């Protein structure tokens, strides 16, 4: 019998010189482009904003994502996706 790997559910972010971000505890990447990345994490929704953002490594089986580019901001929304007027996505696409 093959031994199954347990997924590490701890959420961790490592930032190097505002240009390389390594994240664990990622459930899914919902949206990404060169200026923003929206990810569902073990600790809530996460919005990364910056310039020239590129996903270099994406392994959702292990919950790990690596991003290169200039990071300008990082924002959490613990409520998840909301349909209210001032929801996370409505603020993002204003």
N, C-alpha and C. Protein backbone atom coordinates (compact mmCIF):
# COMPACT_ATOMS: atom_id res chain seq x y z
N UNK A 1 0.83 -1.19 0.00
CA UNK A 1 0.00 0.00 0.00
C UNK A 1 0.87 1.24 0.00
N UNK A 2 0.52 2.17 -0.84
CA UNK A 2 1.27 3.42 -0.90
C UNK A 2 0.87 4.31 0.27
N UNK A 3 1.87 4.92 0.84
CA UNK A 3 1.62 5.82 1.97
C UNK A 3 1.14 7.17 1.44
N UNK A 4 0.00 7.64 1.95
CA UNK A 4 -0.54 8.91 1.50
C UNK A 4 0.14 10.05 2.25
N UNK A 5 0.44 11.13 1.50
CA UNK A 5 1.01 12.31 2.12
C UNK A 5 -0.10 13.13 2.74
N UNK A 6 0.13 13.61 3.95
CA UNK A 6 -0.83 14.49 4.59
C UNK A 6 -0.54 15.92 4.17
N UNK A 7 -1.58 16.64 3.83
CA UNK A 7 -1.43 18.03 3.43
C UNK A 7 -1.18 18.89 4.66
N UNK A 8 -0.16 19.75 4.57
CA UNK A 8 0.16 20.68 5.65
C UNK A 8 -0.86 21.82 5.59
N UNK A 9 -1.69 21.95 6.61
CA UNK A 9 -2.75 22.95 6.59
C UNK A 9 -2.33 24.26 7.24
N UNK A 10 -1.09 24.38 7.66
CA UNK A 10 -0.63 25.64 8.22
C UNK A 10 -0.45 26.66 7.10
N UNK A 11 -0.88 27.88 7.37
CA UNK A 11 -0.74 28.96 6.39
C UNK A 11 0.49 29.77 6.76
N UNK A 12 1.38 29.90 5.79
CA UNK A 12 2.63 30.60 6.03
C UNK A 12 2.97 31.41 4.78
N UNK A 13 3.51 32.63 5.00
CA UNK A 13 3.97 33.46 3.89
C UNK A 13 5.41 33.88 4.17
N UNK A 14 6.27 33.67 3.18
CA UNK A 14 7.65 34.10 3.26
C UNK A 14 7.87 35.10 2.13
N UNK A 15 8.34 36.28 2.48
CA UNK A 15 8.56 37.34 1.51
C UNK A 15 10.04 37.70 1.49
N UNK A 16 10.64 37.67 0.29
CA UNK A 16 12.05 38.00 0.14
C UNK A 16 12.17 39.25 -0.72
N UNK A 17 12.67 40.34 -0.12
CA UNK A 17 12.94 41.59 -0.84
C UNK A 17 11.75 42.13 -1.63
N UNK A 18 10.54 41.86 -1.17
CA UNK A 18 9.30 42.28 -1.84
C UNK A 18 9.20 41.75 -3.25
N UNK A 19 10.03 40.79 -3.65
CA UNK A 19 10.04 40.29 -5.02
C UNK A 19 9.79 38.80 -5.17
N UNK A 20 9.84 38.06 -4.09
CA UNK A 20 9.55 36.63 -4.15
C UNK A 20 8.71 36.26 -2.94
N UNK A 21 7.55 35.69 -3.20
CA UNK A 21 6.60 35.30 -2.14
C UNK A 21 6.38 33.80 -2.23
N UNK A 22 6.58 33.12 -1.11
CA UNK A 22 6.29 31.69 -1.03
C UNK A 22 5.18 31.53 0.00
N UNK A 23 4.09 30.84 -0.38
CA UNK A 23 2.94 30.69 0.50
C UNK A 23 2.57 29.22 0.64
N UNK A 24 2.17 28.83 1.84
CA UNK A 24 1.64 27.50 2.09
C UNK A 24 0.25 27.66 2.69
N UNK A 25 -0.50 26.57 2.73
CA UNK A 25 -1.87 26.63 3.24
C UNK A 25 -2.83 27.22 2.23
N UNK A 26 -2.49 27.13 0.95
CA UNK A 26 -3.33 27.66 -0.12
C UNK A 26 -4.30 26.57 -0.57
N UNK A 27 -5.57 26.88 -0.57
CA UNK A 27 -6.60 25.94 -1.00
C UNK A 27 -6.81 26.02 -2.51
N UNK A 28 -6.89 27.27 -3.03
CA UNK A 28 -7.13 27.46 -4.45
C UNK A 28 -6.69 28.86 -4.85
N UNK A 29 -6.29 29.03 -6.09
CA UNK A 29 -6.02 30.35 -6.67
C UNK A 29 -7.22 30.66 -7.54
N UNK A 30 -7.98 31.69 -7.15
CA UNK A 30 -9.24 32.01 -7.82
C UNK A 30 -9.04 32.90 -9.04
N UNK A 31 -8.04 33.77 -8.99
CA UNK A 31 -7.82 34.70 -10.08
C UNK A 31 -6.38 35.19 -10.00
N UNK A 32 -5.80 35.45 -11.17
CA UNK A 32 -4.46 36.04 -11.17
C UNK A 32 -4.19 36.75 -12.49
N UNK A 33 -3.45 37.83 -12.38
CA UNK A 33 -2.90 38.52 -13.54
C UNK A 33 -1.62 39.21 -13.07
N UNK A 34 -1.06 40.09 -13.89
CA UNK A 34 0.22 40.71 -13.53
C UNK A 34 0.10 41.73 -12.40
N UNK A 35 -1.13 42.14 -12.03
CA UNK A 35 -1.31 43.14 -11.00
C UNK A 35 -1.97 42.63 -9.73
N UNK A 36 -2.59 41.45 -9.76
CA UNK A 36 -3.24 40.94 -8.56
C UNK A 36 -3.40 39.43 -8.61
N UNK A 37 -3.43 38.85 -7.42
CA UNK A 37 -3.68 37.42 -7.26
C UNK A 37 -4.67 37.26 -6.12
N UNK A 38 -5.73 36.50 -6.35
CA UNK A 38 -6.71 36.20 -5.31
C UNK A 38 -6.62 34.72 -5.01
N UNK A 39 -6.37 34.41 -3.73
CA UNK A 39 -6.22 33.02 -3.32
C UNK A 39 -7.09 32.73 -2.11
N UNK A 40 -7.62 31.52 -2.08
CA UNK A 40 -8.36 31.03 -0.91
C UNK A 40 -7.35 30.29 -0.05
N UNK A 41 -7.18 30.73 1.19
CA UNK A 41 -6.20 30.12 2.09
C UNK A 41 -6.90 29.48 3.27
N UNK A 42 -6.13 28.78 4.08
CA UNK A 42 -6.66 28.17 5.31
C UNK A 42 -7.13 29.24 6.30
N UNK A 43 -6.69 30.48 6.13
CA UNK A 43 -7.03 31.57 7.05
C UNK A 43 -7.90 32.64 6.43
N UNK A 44 -8.51 32.37 5.28
CA UNK A 44 -9.39 33.34 4.63
C UNK A 44 -8.92 33.69 3.24
N UNK A 45 -9.67 34.57 2.59
CA UNK A 45 -9.32 35.02 1.25
C UNK A 45 -8.12 35.96 1.34
N UNK A 46 -7.21 35.85 0.37
CA UNK A 46 -6.00 36.65 0.35
C UNK A 46 -5.89 37.34 -1.00
N UNK A 47 -5.65 38.65 -0.96
CA UNK A 47 -5.44 39.44 -2.17
C UNK A 47 -4.02 39.98 -2.15
N UNK A 48 -3.25 39.64 -3.16
CA UNK A 48 -1.91 40.19 -3.36
C UNK A 48 -2.00 41.21 -4.48
N UNK A 49 -1.46 42.40 -4.27
CA UNK A 49 -1.41 43.42 -5.33
C UNK A 49 0.04 43.79 -5.57
N UNK A 50 0.36 44.06 -6.83
CA UNK A 50 1.71 44.44 -7.17
C UNK A 50 1.85 44.67 -8.66
N UNK A 51 3.07 44.52 -9.13
CA UNK A 51 3.33 44.67 -10.56
C UNK A 51 4.22 43.53 -11.03
N UNK A 52 4.00 43.12 -12.26
CA UNK A 52 4.75 42.01 -12.87
C UNK A 52 4.68 40.73 -12.03
N UNK A 53 3.50 40.44 -11.47
CA UNK A 53 3.32 39.23 -10.66
C UNK A 53 3.19 38.02 -11.56
N UNK A 54 3.96 36.99 -11.26
CA UNK A 54 3.93 35.75 -12.03
C UNK A 54 3.95 34.58 -11.06
N UNK A 55 3.10 33.60 -11.28
CA UNK A 55 3.11 32.40 -10.45
C UNK A 55 4.18 31.47 -11.02
N UNK A 56 5.23 31.26 -10.23
CA UNK A 56 6.33 30.41 -10.66
C UNK A 56 6.11 28.96 -10.31
N UNK A 57 5.47 28.71 -9.19
CA UNK A 57 5.20 27.35 -8.74
C UNK A 57 3.78 27.31 -8.18
N UNK A 58 3.02 26.31 -8.61
CA UNK A 58 1.66 26.13 -8.13
C UNK A 58 1.45 24.65 -7.88
N UNK A 59 1.31 24.29 -6.61
CA UNK A 59 1.08 22.90 -6.23
C UNK A 59 -0.06 22.89 -5.21
N UNK A 60 -1.28 22.80 -5.71
CA UNK A 60 -2.44 22.85 -4.82
C UNK A 60 -2.61 21.56 -4.03
N UNK A 61 -2.02 20.46 -4.50
CA UNK A 61 -2.07 19.23 -3.71
C UNK A 61 -1.36 19.41 -2.38
N UNK A 62 -0.25 20.15 -2.40
CA UNK A 62 0.49 20.45 -1.17
C UNK A 62 0.13 21.80 -0.59
N UNK A 63 -0.70 22.59 -1.31
CA UNK A 63 -1.11 23.90 -0.83
C UNK A 63 -0.01 24.94 -0.92
N UNK A 64 0.87 24.81 -1.90
CA UNK A 64 2.03 25.70 -2.00
C UNK A 64 1.99 26.51 -3.30
N UNK A 65 2.29 27.81 -3.17
CA UNK A 65 2.35 28.71 -4.32
C UNK A 65 3.56 29.62 -4.15
N UNK A 66 4.31 29.83 -5.24
CA UNK A 66 5.43 30.77 -5.26
C UNK A 66 5.13 31.83 -6.31
N UNK A 67 5.33 33.09 -5.94
CA UNK A 67 5.03 34.21 -6.83
C UNK A 67 6.27 35.09 -6.93
N UNK A 68 6.58 35.52 -8.16
CA UNK A 68 7.65 36.48 -8.41
C UNK A 68 7.02 37.78 -8.87
N UNK A 69 7.65 38.91 -8.55
CA UNK A 69 7.17 40.22 -8.95
C UNK A 69 7.29 41.18 -7.79
N UNK A 70 6.95 42.45 -8.03
CA UNK A 70 7.04 43.47 -6.99
C UNK A 70 5.73 43.54 -6.20
N UNK A 71 5.76 43.14 -4.94
CA UNK A 71 4.57 43.14 -4.09
C UNK A 71 4.34 44.53 -3.51
N UNK A 72 3.12 45.03 -3.64
CA UNK A 72 2.75 46.34 -3.10
C UNK A 72 1.84 46.22 -1.88
N UNK A 73 0.97 45.21 -1.86
CA UNK A 73 0.10 45.04 -0.69
C UNK A 73 -0.40 43.61 -0.59
N UNK A 74 -0.82 43.29 0.61
CA UNK A 74 -1.33 41.96 0.95
C UNK A 74 -2.53 42.19 1.85
N UNK A 75 -3.69 41.63 1.49
CA UNK A 75 -4.92 41.89 2.26
C UNK A 75 -5.70 40.60 2.46
N UNK A 76 -6.15 40.38 3.71
CA UNK A 76 -6.98 39.22 4.02
C UNK A 76 -8.43 39.64 4.19
N UNK A 77 -9.33 38.72 3.85
CA UNK A 77 -10.75 38.88 4.11
C UNK A 77 -11.23 37.56 4.67
N UNK A 78 -11.44 37.48 5.96
CA UNK A 78 -11.82 36.24 6.61
C UNK A 78 -13.24 35.79 6.28
N UNK A 79 -14.07 36.71 5.82
CA UNK A 79 -15.46 36.38 5.54
C UNK A 79 -15.66 35.57 4.27
N UNK A 80 -14.63 35.45 3.46
CA UNK A 80 -14.78 34.72 2.20
C UNK A 80 -15.46 35.56 1.16
N UNK A 81 -16.04 34.92 0.18
CA UNK A 81 -16.71 35.62 -0.92
C UNK A 81 -18.09 36.04 -0.46
N UNK A 82 -18.36 37.33 -0.58
CA UNK A 82 -19.63 37.88 -0.13
C UNK A 82 -20.34 38.55 -1.30
N UNK A 83 -21.66 38.58 -1.25
CA UNK A 83 -22.43 39.20 -2.31
C UNK A 83 -22.91 40.59 -1.90
N UNK A 84 -22.41 41.13 -0.80
CA UNK A 84 -22.83 42.46 -0.37
C UNK A 84 -22.19 43.52 -1.24
N UNK A 85 -22.70 44.73 -1.14
CA UNK A 85 -22.25 45.84 -1.97
C UNK A 85 -20.74 46.08 -1.80
N UNK A 86 -20.22 46.01 -0.60
CA UNK A 86 -18.81 46.27 -0.35
C UNK A 86 -18.03 44.98 -0.18
N UNK A 87 -18.34 44.00 -0.98
CA UNK A 87 -17.65 42.72 -0.87
C UNK A 87 -16.21 42.83 -1.35
N UNK A 88 -15.47 41.82 -1.04
CA UNK A 88 -14.06 41.72 -1.40
C UNK A 88 -13.87 41.91 -2.89
N UNK A 89 -14.68 41.23 -3.73
CA UNK A 89 -14.53 41.30 -5.17
C UNK A 89 -15.03 42.64 -5.71
N UNK A 90 -16.08 43.21 -5.12
CA UNK A 90 -16.55 44.50 -5.58
C UNK A 90 -15.50 45.58 -5.34
N UNK A 91 -14.83 45.52 -4.20
CA UNK A 91 -13.77 46.48 -3.93
C UNK A 91 -12.61 46.27 -4.89
N UNK A 92 -12.32 45.04 -5.23
CA UNK A 92 -11.21 44.72 -6.11
C UNK A 92 -11.43 45.28 -7.51
N UNK A 93 -12.66 45.17 -8.02
CA UNK A 93 -12.93 45.54 -9.41
C UNK A 93 -13.51 46.94 -9.57
N UNK A 94 -13.36 47.81 -8.58
CA UNK A 94 -13.85 49.18 -8.70
C UNK A 94 -13.02 49.95 -9.69
